[in-house]
Amino acid sequence: MIMKKILVTTDFSAAADNAVNFAVQSSKLLSAELILLHAFEIKGNLYTDYAGVNKEFNQEMLDEGIKKLEERTKEIAEKDGVQVIPYFFKGVFNDAVKQAKEDYDVSMIIMGTRGHGILVEKLWGNKATSLMGKSDIPILVIPAGYEWKKPQKILFSTNHFEKDSATLDFVFELAGQYLAKMYVTVFTDEDDDLAGTFLEHKRQLPKYEKMLKETYNEETLVAANLFGTEFEDTMEDYIKDHEIDMLVMITYQRNFWDRLFHPSRTKMMSYHSHIPLLAIPAK
C-alpha cells in the first residue's frame, strides 16, 4: 500500500469540513491512518500582550480549538468508524504542517480551499496554494462546496512526459486503490507554443501512452493531445466532457522571475478547478 498516513488540515470551516470528509472516506479505501491537524496562531503584538489585552482572549481561543479538535475526532469515530489522530499545533500553519509531516511520516496532505474563480486568483492565494510549491509530498486540494464522491475517472495532465517511477507509481497505485480509470493529456498553447511543440507532443504522446499501458497494465488508459488559447478553459472543457473526478498535476521548482511572469499552471488550476486537484512535487 502506498498510503500509510494522510494529514488533513482543518480550521473548522465548511470548506475544511468537506476536505476532512473526503479524507475520512478516502482513508477507508486507501487503508491509511488519518491525522487531523489544527494550527492555532496567536494574534496580537508585544504591547497588547504585555498589557494583557490579548492573553485572556488567546487562551480562550486556544482552549476552544483544542476542544473542537477533540470533538471532531470523536464525531468521526462514532459516525464513520475511523480512528483519527488529533494534532494540535500552536504556531503558524506552514510550521504546523512541517512538524506533523516529520512526526508521522505523512504520505499525502489533504486540504480545502475557500473558493474558486478570478477573484480568488487575484488574492495572494490561500494556504493550500501557498503550500504547493514548498511541499515535498503530494497535496490533494478539495474545492469549496465539493461533496465526497469516490473518484472513478482520474486525469493526469502532463507536458513533460514524466517518467520518474516514484511519481508515476504514486499516481497509478492511487488510481488502482480508488478503482479509477486513468486519462492522460498533454496541452499545446495555440498562442505561445511553437508549431514544433505541437508536432513534438503529437509524436511523443503515442509512445508515452504505450509505455504507461505496458508498465502499469492499464489497457483502458485514454491519452489525448489538447490545444487551445487558455489552459484552464481547455482543461475544464475536457474535464466536463469526460466527467473526470480528480485532476493530477506535477509541480516544479522554479526561480523567482519564472514564478512572477509565468504562474504555475497547477496553482492556476487550483483556483479554477471544481474537482479535487492532486499536486505532486517533481522529483
C-alpha atoms as a PDB file:
ATOM      1  CA  MET A   1       0.000   0.000   0.000  1.00  0.00           C
ATOM      2  CA  ILE A   2       1.360   3.414  -0.936  1.00  0.00           C
ATOM      3  CA  MET A   3      -0.683   5.270   1.652  1.00  0.00           C
ATOM      4  CA  LYS A   4       0.373   4.852   5.251  1.00  0.00           C
ATOM      5  CA  LYS A   5      -0.667   8.156   6.791  1.00  0.00           C
ATOM      6  CA  ILE A   6      -2.747  11.048   5.449  1.00  0.00           C
ATOM      7  CA  LEU A   7      -2.607  14.504   7.010  1.00  0.00           C
ATOM      8  CA  VAL A   8      -5.786  16.579   6.694  1.00  0.00           C
ATOM      9  CA  THR A   9      -5.958  20.169   7.939  1.00  0.00           C
ATOM     10  CA  THR A  10      -8.920  21.952   9.471  1.00  0.00           C
ATOM     11  CA  ASP A  11      -9.892  25.389  10.687  1.00  0.00           C
ATOM     12  CA  PHE A  12     -13.406  24.051  11.407  1.00  0.00           C
ATOM     13  CA  SER A  13     -14.901  25.950   8.452  1.00  0.00           C
ATOM     14  CA  ALA A  14     -17.367  24.449   5.970  1.00  0.00           C
ATOM     15  CA  ALA A  15     -14.625  24.242   3.332  1.00  0.00           C
ATOM     16  CA  ALA A  16     -12.370  22.381   5.747  1.00  0.00           C
ATOM     17  CA  ASP A  17     -15.210  20.015   6.695  1.00  0.00           C
ATOM     18  CA  ASN A  18     -15.558  18.995   3.029  1.00  0.00           C
ATOM     19  CA  ALA A  19     -11.845  18.208   2.883  1.00  0.00           C
ATOM     20  CA  VAL A  20     -11.980  16.274   6.158  1.00  0.00           C
ATOM     21  CA  ASN A  21     -14.897  14.184   4.915  1.00  0.00           C
ATOM     22  CA  PHE A  22     -13.052  13.460   1.655  1.00  0.00           C
ATOM     23  CA  ALA A  23     -10.037  12.375   3.699  1.00  0.00           C
ATOM     24  CA  VAL A  24     -12.134  10.187   6.003  1.00  0.00           C
ATOM     25  CA  GLN A  25     -13.862   8.384   3.130  1.00  0.00           C
ATOM     26  CA  SER A  26     -10.564   8.035   1.234  1.00  0.00           C
ATOM     27  CA  SER A  27      -8.804   6.597   4.270  1.00  0.00           C
ATOM     28  CA  LYS A  28     -11.270   3.695   4.223  1.00  0.00           C
ATOM     29  CA  LEU A  29     -10.459   2.875   0.593  1.00  0.00           C
ATOM     30  CA  LEU A  30      -6.730   3.505   0.911  1.00  0.00           C
ATOM     31  CA  SER A  31      -6.344   1.746   4.277  1.00  0.00           C
ATOM     32  CA  ALA A  32      -4.469   4.790   5.548  1.00  0.00           C
ATOM     33  CA  GLU A  33      -4.171   6.250   9.033  1.00  0.00           C
ATOM     34  CA  LEU A  34      -5.607   9.769   9.359  1.00  0.00           C
ATOM     35  CA  ILE A  35      -4.052  12.707  11.227  1.00  0.00           C
ATOM     36  CA  LEU A  36      -6.307  15.739  11.759  1.00  0.00           C
ATOM     37  CA  LEU A  37      -4.304  18.969  12.145  1.00  0.00           C
ATOM     38  CA  HIS A  38      -5.432  22.290  13.562  1.00  0.00           C
ATOM     39  CA  ALA A  39      -2.887  25.102  13.789  1.00  0.00           C
ATOM     40  CA  PHE A  40      -3.524  27.885  16.299  1.00  0.00           C
ATOM     41  CA  GLU A  41      -1.665  31.096  15.535  1.00  0.00           C
ATOM     42  CA  ILE A  42      -1.570  33.590  18.387  1.00  0.00           C
ATOM     43  CA  LYS A  43      -2.815  37.058  17.449  1.00  0.00           C
ATOM     44  CA  GLY A  44      -1.532  40.349  18.833  1.00  0.00           C
ATOM     45  CA  ASN A  45       1.715  42.236  19.367  1.00  0.00           C
ATOM     46  CA  LEU A  46       4.268  42.850  22.059  1.00  0.00           C
ATOM     47  CA  TYR A  47       2.427  45.833  23.565  1.00  0.00           C
ATOM     48  CA  THR A  48      -1.019  44.237  23.752  1.00  0.00           C
ATOM     49  CA  ASP A  49       0.476  41.027  25.118  1.00  0.00           C
ATOM     50  CA  TYR A  50       2.366  42.997  27.774  1.00  0.00           C
ATOM     51  CA  ALA A  51      -0.783  44.888  28.693  1.00  0.00           C
ATOM     52  CA  GLY A  52      -2.684  41.638  28.975  1.00  0.00           C
ATOM     53  CA  VAL A  53      -5.289  42.650  26.395  1.00  0.00           C
ATOM     54  CA  ASN A  54      -4.877  39.588  24.189  1.00  0.00           C
ATOM     55  CA  LYS A  55      -3.621  36.995  26.637  1.00  0.00           C
ATOM     56  CA  GLU A  56      -7.016  36.020  28.010  1.00  0.00           C
ATOM     57  CA  PHE A  57      -8.623  36.086  24.555  1.00  0.00           C
ATOM     58  CA  ASN A  58      -5.856  33.928  23.053  1.00  0.00           C
ATOM     59  CA  GLN A  59      -6.126  31.408  25.882  1.00  0.00           C
ATOM     60  CA  GLU A  60      -9.882  31.139  25.375  1.00  0.00           C
ATOM     61  CA  MET A  61      -9.427  30.624  21.631  1.00  0.00           C
ATOM     62  CA  LEU A  62      -6.688  28.054  22.234  1.00  0.00           C
ATOM     63  CA  ASP A  63      -8.867  26.083  24.657  1.00  0.00           C
ATOM     64  CA  GLU A  64     -11.781  26.257  22.212  1.00  0.00           C
ATOM     65  CA  GLY A  65      -9.569  24.991  19.366  1.00  0.00           C
ATOM     66  CA  ILE A  66      -8.412  22.005  21.398  1.00  0.00           C
ATOM     67  CA  LYS A  67     -11.998  21.212  22.402  1.00  0.00           C
ATOM     68  CA  LYS A  68     -13.254  21.430  18.789  1.00  0.00           C
ATOM     69  CA  LEU A  69     -10.457  19.176  17.569  1.00  0.00           C
ATOM     70  CA  GLU A  70     -11.249  16.548  20.191  1.00  0.00           C
ATOM     71  CA  GLU A  71     -14.974  16.734  19.394  1.00  0.00           C
ATOM     72  CA  ARG A  72     -14.327  16.410  15.656  1.00  0.00           C
ATOM     73  CA  THR A  73     -12.166  13.308  16.039  1.00  0.00           C
ATOM     74  CA  LYS A  74     -14.749  11.731  18.355  1.00  0.00           C
ATOM     75  CA  GLU A  75     -17.536  12.537  15.880  1.00  0.00           C
ATOM     76  CA  ILE A  76     -15.627  10.892  13.005  1.00  0.00           C
ATOM     77  CA  ALA A  77     -15.003   7.771  15.071  1.00  0.00           C
ATOM     78  CA  GLU A  78     -18.671   7.456  16.008  1.00  0.00           C
ATOM     79  CA  LYS A  79     -20.135   8.338  12.601  1.00  0.00           C
ATOM     80  CA  ASP A  80     -17.633   6.736  10.206  1.00  0.00           C
ATOM     81  CA  GLY A  81     -15.821   4.192  12.357  1.00  0.00           C
ATOM     82  CA  VAL A  82     -12.460   5.799  11.541  1.00  0.00           C
ATOM     83  CA  GLN A  83      -9.941   6.385  14.303  1.00  0.00           C
ATOM     84  CA  VAL A  84      -8.280   9.767  13.792  1.00  0.00           C
ATOM     85  CA  ILE A  85      -5.171  11.128  15.483  1.00  0.00           C
ATOM     86  CA  PRO A  86      -5.796  14.731  16.638  1.00  0.00           C
ATOM     87  CA  TYR A  87      -2.803  17.038  16.157  1.00  0.00           C
ATOM     88  CA  PHE A  88      -2.959  20.490  17.720  1.00  0.00           C
ATOM     89  CA  PHE A  89      -0.139  22.914  16.923  1.00  0.00           C
ATOM     90  CA  LYS A  90       0.471  26.292  18.498  1.00  0.00           C
ATOM     91  CA  GLY A  91       2.129  28.344  15.782  1.00  0.00           C
ATOM     92  CA  VAL A  92       1.980  29.305  12.114  1.00  0.00           C
ATOM     93  CA  PHE A  93       0.314  26.976   9.638  1.00  0.00           C
ATOM     94  CA  ASN A  94       3.338  26.049   7.489  1.00  0.00           C
ATOM     95  CA  ASP A  95       5.358  25.168  10.599  1.00  0.00           C
ATOM     96  CA  ALA A  96       2.461  23.027  11.805  1.00  0.00           C
ATOM     97  CA  VAL A  97       2.350  21.053   8.550  1.00  0.00           C
ATOM     98  CA  LYS A  98       6.132  20.618   8.534  1.00  0.00           C
ATOM     99  CA  GLN A  99       6.176  19.323  12.105  1.00  0.00           C
ATOM    100  CA  ALA A 100       3.243  16.953  11.557  1.00  0.00           C
ATOM    101  CA  LYS A 101       4.943  15.519   8.464  1.00  0.00           C
ATOM    102  CA  GLU A 102       8.092  14.849  10.454  1.00  0.00           C
ATOM    103  CA  ASP A 103       6.273  13.357  13.437  1.00  0.00           C
ATOM    104  CA  TYR A 104       4.082  10.977  11.442  1.00  0.00           C
ATOM    105  CA  ASP A 105       5.917  10.331   8.145  1.00  0.00           C
ATOM    106  CA  VAL A 106       2.900  11.518   6.152  1.00  0.00           C
ATOM    107  CA  SER A 107       2.324  10.219   2.594  1.00  0.00           C
ATOM    108  CA  MET A 108      -0.178  12.866   1.443  1.00  0.00           C
ATOM    109  CA  ILE A 109      -1.803  16.104   2.623  1.00  0.00           C
ATOM    110  CA  ILE A 110      -5.485  16.888   2.044  1.00  0.00           C
ATOM    111  CA  MET A 111      -6.693  20.495   2.301  1.00  0.00           C
ATOM    112  CA  GLY A 112      -9.758  22.515   1.429  1.00  0.00           C
ATOM    113  CA  THR A 113      -9.967  25.833  -0.435  1.00  0.00           C
ATOM    114  CA  ARG A 114     -12.409  28.615   0.295  1.00  0.00           C
ATOM    115  CA  GLY A 115     -13.490  29.217  -3.292  1.00  0.00           C
ATOM    116  CA  HIS A 116     -12.521  29.414  -6.944  1.00  0.00           C
ATOM    117  CA  GLY A 117     -12.555  31.870  -9.828  1.00  0.00           C
ATOM    118  CA  ILE A 118     -10.907  35.126 -10.835  1.00  0.00           C
ATOM    119  CA  LEU A 119     -11.459  36.910  -7.511  1.00  0.00           C
ATOM    120  CA  VAL A 120      -9.754  34.171  -5.518  1.00  0.00           C
ATOM    121  CA  GLU A 121      -6.912  34.014  -8.038  1.00  0.00           C
ATOM    122  CA  LYS A 122      -6.238  37.755  -7.722  1.00  0.00           C
ATOM    123  CA  LEU A 123      -5.810  37.493  -3.967  1.00  0.00           C
ATOM    124  CA  TRP A 124      -2.465  36.454  -2.525  1.00  0.00           C
ATOM    125  CA  GLY A 125      -3.504  32.846  -2.735  1.00  0.00           C
ATOM    126  CA  ASN A 126      -4.581  30.699   0.179  1.00  0.00           C
ATOM    127  CA  LYS A 127      -2.911  28.207   2.458  1.00  0.00           C
ATOM    128  CA  ALA A 128      -3.355  25.312   0.052  1.00  0.00           C
ATOM    129  CA  THR A 129      -1.843  27.032  -2.967  1.00  0.00           C
ATOM    130  CA  SER A 130       0.962  28.652  -0.958  1.00  0.00           C
ATOM    131  CA  LEU A 131       1.961  25.217   0.312  1.00  0.00           C
ATOM    132  CA  MET A 132       2.007  23.621  -3.157  1.00  0.00           C
ATOM    133  CA  GLY A 133       5.368  24.963  -4.248  1.00  0.00           C
ATOM    134  CA  LYS A 134       7.007  24.162  -0.922  1.00  0.00           C
ATOM    135  CA  SER A 135       5.746  20.679  -0.074  1.00  0.00           C
ATOM    136  CA  ASP A 136       7.883  17.645  -0.853  1.00  0.00           C
ATOM    137  CA  ILE A 137       4.875  15.301  -0.696  1.00  0.00           C
ATOM    138  CA  PRO A 138       1.612  15.286  -2.697  1.00  0.00           C
ATOM    139  CA  ILE A 139      -1.165  17.714  -1.746  1.00  0.00           C
ATOM    140  CA  LEU A 140      -4.793  16.948  -2.591  1.00  0.00           C
ATOM    141  CA  VAL A 141      -6.856  20.158  -2.761  1.00  0.00           C
ATOM    142  CA  ILE A 142     -10.626  19.868  -2.307  1.00  0.00           C
ATOM    143  CA  PRO A 143     -12.682  22.777  -3.763  1.00  0.00           C
ATOM    144  CA  ALA A 144     -15.145  24.664  -1.605  1.00  0.00           C
ATOM    145  CA  GLY A 145     -18.578  23.076  -1.711  1.00  0.00           C
ATOM    146  CA  TYR A 146     -17.329  19.795  -3.157  1.00  0.00           C
ATOM    147  CA  GLU A 147     -19.097  16.760  -1.734  1.00  0.00           C
ATOM    148  CA  TRP A 148     -17.429  13.373  -1.406  1.00  0.00           C
ATOM    149  CA  LYS A 149     -17.573  11.119  -4.429  1.00  0.00           C
ATOM    150  CA  LYS A 150     -15.318   8.129  -4.989  1.00  0.00           C
ATOM    151  CA  PRO A 151     -13.070   9.051  -7.933  1.00  0.00           C
ATOM    152  CA  GLN A 152     -13.949   6.861 -10.910  1.00  0.00           C
ATOM    153  CA  LYS A 153     -12.023   8.795 -13.555  1.00  0.00           C
ATOM    154  CA  ILE A 154      -8.636  10.403 -12.850  1.00  0.00           C
ATOM    155  CA  LEU A 155      -6.950  12.758 -15.301  1.00  0.00           C
ATOM    156  CA  PHE A 156      -3.153  13.073 -15.284  1.00  0.00           C
ATOM    157  CA  SER A 157      -2.157  16.286 -17.097  1.00  0.00           C
ATOM    158  CA  THR A 158       1.490  16.488 -18.177  1.00  0.00           C
ATOM    159  CA  ASN A 159       3.572  18.434 -20.670  1.00  0.00           C
ATOM    160  CA  HIS A 160       6.850  16.876 -19.578  1.00  0.00           C
ATOM    161  CA  PHE A 161       6.010  13.223 -20.244  1.00  0.00           C
ATOM    162  CA  GLU A 162       7.129  12.311 -16.734  1.00  0.00           C
ATOM    163  CA  LYS A 163       8.993   9.059 -16.466  1.00  0.00           C
ATOM    164  CA  ASP A 164      10.039   9.219 -12.812  1.00  0.00           C
ATOM    165  CA  SER A 165       8.949   5.864 -11.428  1.00  0.00           C
ATOM    166  CA  ALA A 166       8.185   7.159  -7.921  1.00  0.00           C
ATOM    167  CA  THR A 167       5.833   9.831  -9.292  1.00  0.00           C
ATOM    168  CA  LEU A 168       4.078   7.523 -11.742  1.00  0.00           C
ATOM    169  CA  ASP A 169       3.843   4.710  -9.187  1.00  0.00           C
ATOM    170  CA  PHE A 170       2.062   7.077  -6.804  1.00  0.00           C
ATOM    171  CA  VAL A 171      -0.437   8.203  -9.454  1.00  0.00           C
ATOM    172  CA  PHE A 172      -1.289   4.763 -10.814  1.00  0.00           C
ATOM    173  CA  GLU A 173      -1.348   2.978  -7.457  1.00  0.00           C
ATOM    174  CA  LEU A 174      -3.672   5.679  -6.114  1.00  0.00           C
ATOM    175  CA  ALA A 175      -5.950   5.189  -9.128  1.00  0.00           C
ATOM    176  CA  GLY A 176      -5.818   1.450  -8.544  1.00  0.00           C
ATOM    177  CA  GLN A 177      -6.877   1.801  -4.913  1.00  0.00           C
ATOM    178  CA  TYR A 178      -9.758   4.056  -5.945  1.00  0.00           C
ATOM    179  CA  LEU A 179     -10.538   1.564  -8.781  1.00  0.00           C
ATOM    180  CA  ALA A 180     -10.492   4.554 -11.132  1.00  0.00           C
ATOM    181  CA  LYS A 181      -9.895   4.721 -14.890  1.00  0.00           C
ATOM    182  CA  MET A 182      -6.852   6.760 -15.973  1.00  0.00           C
ATOM    183  CA  TYR A 183      -6.759   9.555 -18.545  1.00  0.00           C
ATOM    184  CA  VAL A 184      -3.591  11.369 -19.702  1.00  0.00           C
ATOM    185  CA  THR A 185      -3.499  14.717 -21.535  1.00  0.00           C
ATOM    186  CA  VAL A 186      -0.824  16.994 -22.996  1.00  0.00           C
ATOM    187  CA  PHE A 187      -1.652  20.664 -23.667  1.00  0.00           C
ATOM    188  CA  THR A 188      -0.346  22.831 -26.525  1.00  0.00           C
ATOM    189  CA  ASP A 189      -0.893  26.598 -26.301  1.00  0.00           C
ATOM    190  CA  GLU A 190      -2.014  27.917 -29.696  1.00  0.00           C
ATOM    191  CA  ASP A 191      -0.723  31.435 -28.906  1.00  0.00           C
ATOM    192  CA  ASP A 192       2.537  30.839 -27.037  1.00  0.00           C
ATOM    193  CA  ASP A 193       3.873  27.447 -28.161  1.00  0.00           C
ATOM    194  CA  LEU A 194       5.801  26.985 -31.387  1.00  0.00           C
ATOM    195  CA  ALA A 195       4.430  24.840 -34.198  1.00  0.00           C
ATOM    196  CA  GLY A 196       7.226  22.395 -33.472  1.00  0.00           C
ATOM    197  CA  THR A 197       5.931  21.976 -29.909  1.00  0.00           C
ATOM    198  CA  PHE A 198       2.597  20.636 -31.125  1.00  0.00           C
ATOM    199  CA  LEU A 199       4.337  18.253 -33.536  1.00  0.00           C
ATOM    200  CA  GLU A 200       6.656  17.071 -30.745  1.00  0.00           C
ATOM    201  CA  HIS A 201       3.705  16.466 -28.422  1.00  0.00           C
ATOM    202  CA  LYS A 202       1.872  14.605 -31.168  1.00  0.00           C
ATOM    203  CA  ARG A 203       4.952  12.453 -31.808  1.00  0.00           C
ATOM    204  CA  GLN A 204       5.694  11.659 -28.164  1.00  0.00           C
ATOM    205  CA  LEU A 205       2.172  11.028 -26.854  1.00  0.00           C
ATOM    206  CA  PRO A 206       1.557   7.609 -28.534  1.00  0.00           C
ATOM    207  CA  LYS A 207       4.926   6.364 -27.240  1.00  0.00           C
ATOM    208  CA  TYR A 208       4.173   7.691 -23.770  1.00  0.00           C
ATOM    209  CA  GLU A 209       0.726   6.082 -23.804  1.00  0.00           C
ATOM    210  CA  LYS A 210       2.209   2.748 -24.853  1.00  0.00           C
ATOM    211  CA  MET A 211       4.831   2.919 -22.095  1.00  0.00           C
ATOM    212  CA  LEU A 212       2.233   3.668 -19.406  1.00  0.00           C
ATOM    213  CA  LYS A 213      -0.099   0.907 -20.568  1.00  0.00           C
ATOM    214  CA  GLU A 214       2.682  -1.673 -20.555  1.00  0.00           C
ATOM    215  CA  THR A 215       4.257  -0.559 -17.273  1.00  0.00           C
ATOM    216  CA  TYR A 216       1.030  -0.277 -15.281  1.00  0.00           C
ATOM    217  CA  ASN A 217      -1.142  -2.802 -17.102  1.00  0.00           C
ATOM    218  CA  GLU A 218      -3.664  -0.085 -17.950  1.00  0.00           C
ATOM    219  CA  GLU A 219      -5.260  -1.235 -21.187  1.00  0.00           C
ATOM    220  CA  THR A 220      -8.198   1.159 -20.735  1.00  0.00           C
ATOM    221  CA  LEU A 221      -5.979   4.249 -20.338  1.00  0.00           C
ATOM    222  CA  VAL A 222      -7.020   7.154 -22.606  1.00  0.00           C
ATOM    223  CA  ALA A 223      -4.428   9.675 -23.900  1.00  0.00           C
ATOM    224  CA  ALA A 224      -5.209  12.935 -25.714  1.00  0.00           C
ATOM    225  CA  ASN A 225      -3.344  15.953 -27.085  1.00  0.00           C
ATOM    226  CA  LEU A 226      -5.255  19.119 -26.161  1.00  0.00           C
ATOM    227  CA  PHE A 227      -4.751  22.556 -27.665  1.00  0.00           C
ATOM    228  CA  GLY A 228      -6.248  25.980 -27.107  1.00  0.00           C
ATOM    229  CA  THR A 229      -5.510  29.568 -26.090  1.00  0.00           C
ATOM    230  CA  GLU A 230      -6.347  29.228 -22.376  1.00  0.00           C
ATOM    231  CA  PHE A 231      -5.058  26.244 -20.403  1.00  0.00           C
ATOM    232  CA  GLU A 232      -7.692  26.451 -17.672  1.00  0.00           C
ATOM    233  CA  ASP A 233     -10.645  26.693 -20.078  1.00  0.00           C
ATOM    234  CA  THR A 234      -9.356  23.833 -22.228  1.00  0.00           C
ATOM    235  CA  MET A 235      -8.854  21.619 -19.180  1.00  0.00           C
ATOM    236  CA  GLU A 236     -12.256  22.463 -17.721  1.00  0.00           C
ATOM    237  CA  ASP A 237     -13.944  21.590 -21.023  1.00  0.00           C
ATOM    238  CA  TYR A 238     -12.155  18.236 -21.167  1.00  0.00           C
ATOM    239  CA  ILE A 239     -12.973  17.504 -17.525  1.00  0.00           C
ATOM    240  CA  LYS A 240     -16.649  18.288 -18.100  1.00  0.00           C
ATOM    241  CA  ASP A 241     -16.912  16.357 -21.375  1.00  0.00           C
ATOM    242  CA  HIS A 242     -15.283  13.228 -19.908  1.00  0.00           C
ATOM    243  CA  GLU A 243     -16.811  13.514 -16.409  1.00  0.00           C
ATOM    244  CA  ILE A 244     -13.405  13.499 -14.706  1.00  0.00           C
ATOM    245  CA  ASP A 245     -13.493  13.184 -10.898  1.00  0.00           C
ATOM    246  CA  MET A 246      -9.900  14.099  -9.997  1.00  0.00           C
ATOM    247  CA  LEU A 247      -7.120  16.059 -11.714  1.00  0.00           C
ATOM    248  CA  VAL A 248      -3.446  15.209 -11.147  1.00  0.00           C
ATOM    249  CA  MET A 249      -0.638  17.635 -11.999  1.00  0.00           C
ATOM    250  CA  ILE A 250       3.075  17.908 -11.263  1.00  0.00           C
ATOM    251  CA  THR A 251       4.609  20.953  -9.541  1.00  0.00           C
ATOM    252  CA  TYR A 252       8.114  22.084 -10.450  1.00  0.00           C
ATOM    253  CA  GLN A 253      10.587  24.203  -8.503  1.00  0.00           C
ATOM    254  CA  ARG A 254      11.215  27.473 -10.372  1.00  0.00           C
ATOM    255  CA  ASN A 255      13.116  30.697  -9.765  1.00  0.00           C
ATOM    256  CA  PHE A 256      11.518  33.994  -8.690  1.00  0.00           C
ATOM    257  CA  TRP A 257      11.233  35.584 -12.160  1.00  0.00           C
ATOM    258  CA  ASP A 258       9.758  32.434 -13.616  1.00  0.00           C
ATOM    259  CA  ARG A 259       7.061  32.422 -10.923  1.00  0.00           C
ATOM    260  CA  LEU A 260       6.386  36.138 -11.420  1.00  0.00           C
ATOM    261  CA  PHE A 261       5.934  36.130 -15.200  1.00  0.00           C
ATOM    262  CA  HIS A 262       4.838  32.535 -15.776  1.00  0.00           C
ATOM    263  CA  PRO A 263       2.477  31.477 -12.943  1.00  0.00           C
ATOM    264  CA  SER A 264       2.323  27.768 -12.171  1.00  0.00           C
ATOM    265  CA  ARG A 265      -0.408  26.025 -14.161  1.00  0.00           C
ATOM    266  CA  THR A 266      -1.001  23.745 -11.188  1.00  0.00           C
ATOM    267  CA  LYS A 267      -1.688  26.715  -8.913  1.00  0.00           C
ATOM    268  CA  MET A 268      -3.818  28.377 -11.576  1.00  0.00           C
ATOM    269  CA  MET A 269      -5.945  25.235 -11.853  1.00  0.00           C
ATOM    270  CA  SER A 270      -6.312  25.101  -8.072  1.00  0.00           C
ATOM    271  CA  TYR A 271      -8.186  28.436  -8.272  1.00  0.00           C
ATOM    272  CA  HIS A 272     -10.440  27.262 -11.120  1.00  0.00           C
ATOM    273  CA  SER A 273     -10.958  23.550 -10.611  1.00  0.00           C
ATOM    274  CA  HIS A 274     -14.358  22.312  -9.439  1.00  0.00           C
ATOM    275  CA  ILE A 275     -12.979  18.836  -8.747  1.00  0.00           C
ATOM    276  CA  PRO A 276     -10.201  17.657  -6.394  1.00  0.00           C
ATOM    277  CA  LEU A 277      -6.714  18.540  -7.634  1.00  0.00           C
ATOM    278  CA  LEU A 278      -3.722  16.401  -6.644  1.00  0.00           C
ATOM    279  CA  ALA A 279      -0.435  18.318  -6.895  1.00  0.00           C
ATOM    280  CA  ILE A 280       2.643  16.076  -6.872  1.00  0.00           C
ATOM    281  CA  PRO A 281       6.106  17.650  -6.481  1.00  0.00           C
ATOM    282  CA  ALA A 282       8.546  16.751  -9.244  1.00  0.00           C
ATOM    283  CA  LYS A 283      11.440  14.549  -8.153  1.00  0.00           C
END
